[in-house]
Amino acid sequence: MNGLLGELVHAGLVRREEGVTIEPLAGGVSSDISLVTAGTRRFCVKRALAKLKVVADWRAPVERNRSEVEWLKVAAGVVPDGVPQVLADHSADGWFAMTYLDPLSHPVWKAQLRDGVIDPDFAAMVGRDIGRIHAATAGNRELALRFATDHIFYPIRLEAYLVASAQKHPGHAQHLQALVATTQANKRALVHGDISPKNILCRQGDGQEGPVFLDAECAWYGDPAFDFAFVLNHLLLKCLWRPQHASRYLECFDALYDDYMNRVTWETTYGIDGRTARLLIGLLLARVDGKSPVEYIIDPAQQQLVRDFTLPRLTKPPHFLAEVRDDWAALMGV
């Protein structure tokens, strides 16, 4: 922490005489995040890790800090209230500072979903804002060059999720590798890469309700179907975590789907619906058998249920997301 304090002083963000405190925050597996208090000011500092905090040997370039800063700046131009403000960009040194959002006014969506605070209207706003960002950045050659981060996105997303799952299921490796190839080939818009409920805050009060997106270090100019499938995947998995709320999670799935699809202008809705449906199957399997399994599906019977659902659908892929959603609902008894 003394090293970070010295960097903050050198950057002019704090003065030692302010009585600075630095408190580690719980975060994801890929970065160290600290809350800095200097006098009456509070802000966060984020530093990417070369080796992610999982059991598997999972590594990714730390320059993804730069990708996250750039994504936050681009997204702020589309959904100004939907991202924290970048206060200082020292990504060349491996860190940056951003506004701290109090959990009392910005609870984490994952915690709300867990606790039964399940609002399809909020899910619709998530779909709306993801769609807005994709639509605003689609077909932008300058952004495609700025976010040509395949060397980051592949190890931290495609290899860690789909390729790792293929290694555990060699009989289905060709289907998972095909998903990788399709995702790599459809470079259409700016992708966040980690649209998960744990990375979405619920902005509340003063008529300013809506999502705030965090943790964009996987940012990549690529297939928007990845973001769409990634967030829908979590809503399906929550049905296993809290089965008593399964019907409400599926209402959120439907609301997010509808509002996102209403924003699709860069390609046919048929095209993105089909790609997302097939990618969703791969990502469902990956959250059991990839390098970053969800922490709440630890029951072997539930893990096998996911395999039994996904593996046949890799061989015979769905054409539409509605097929996946309805088959999952039937499996959940909803």
Foldseek 3Di string as FASTA:
>chain_A
DVVVVVVCVVVVNADVVQVKDWAWDDDAFFWTKIWIDGNPAIKMKIFGDQATRFPDGAGFDLLLLVVQLVVQVLLCVQVVVQAWAWPADPVVVGMTMTHDDDCVQWPQQVVCLLVVVFDLVQLLLVLQSLLRQFLVFFPPVVVQVVFAVCRGLCRVPLCQFQVQLCVVVVVLNVLSVVLVVVFAVAQTGKEQNALESRQWIFRDDPPPTHIHGDDSSSIHRTQSLNNLLNHLLNLLVVCVLPVVCNVSSLSSSVSSVVSNLVSDDRDDSQVSFQSNQSVNLSRLLRLLRGRNNDPRPPPPVVNVVSVVLRVVCSVVPDSGNVVVSVVSCVVSVD
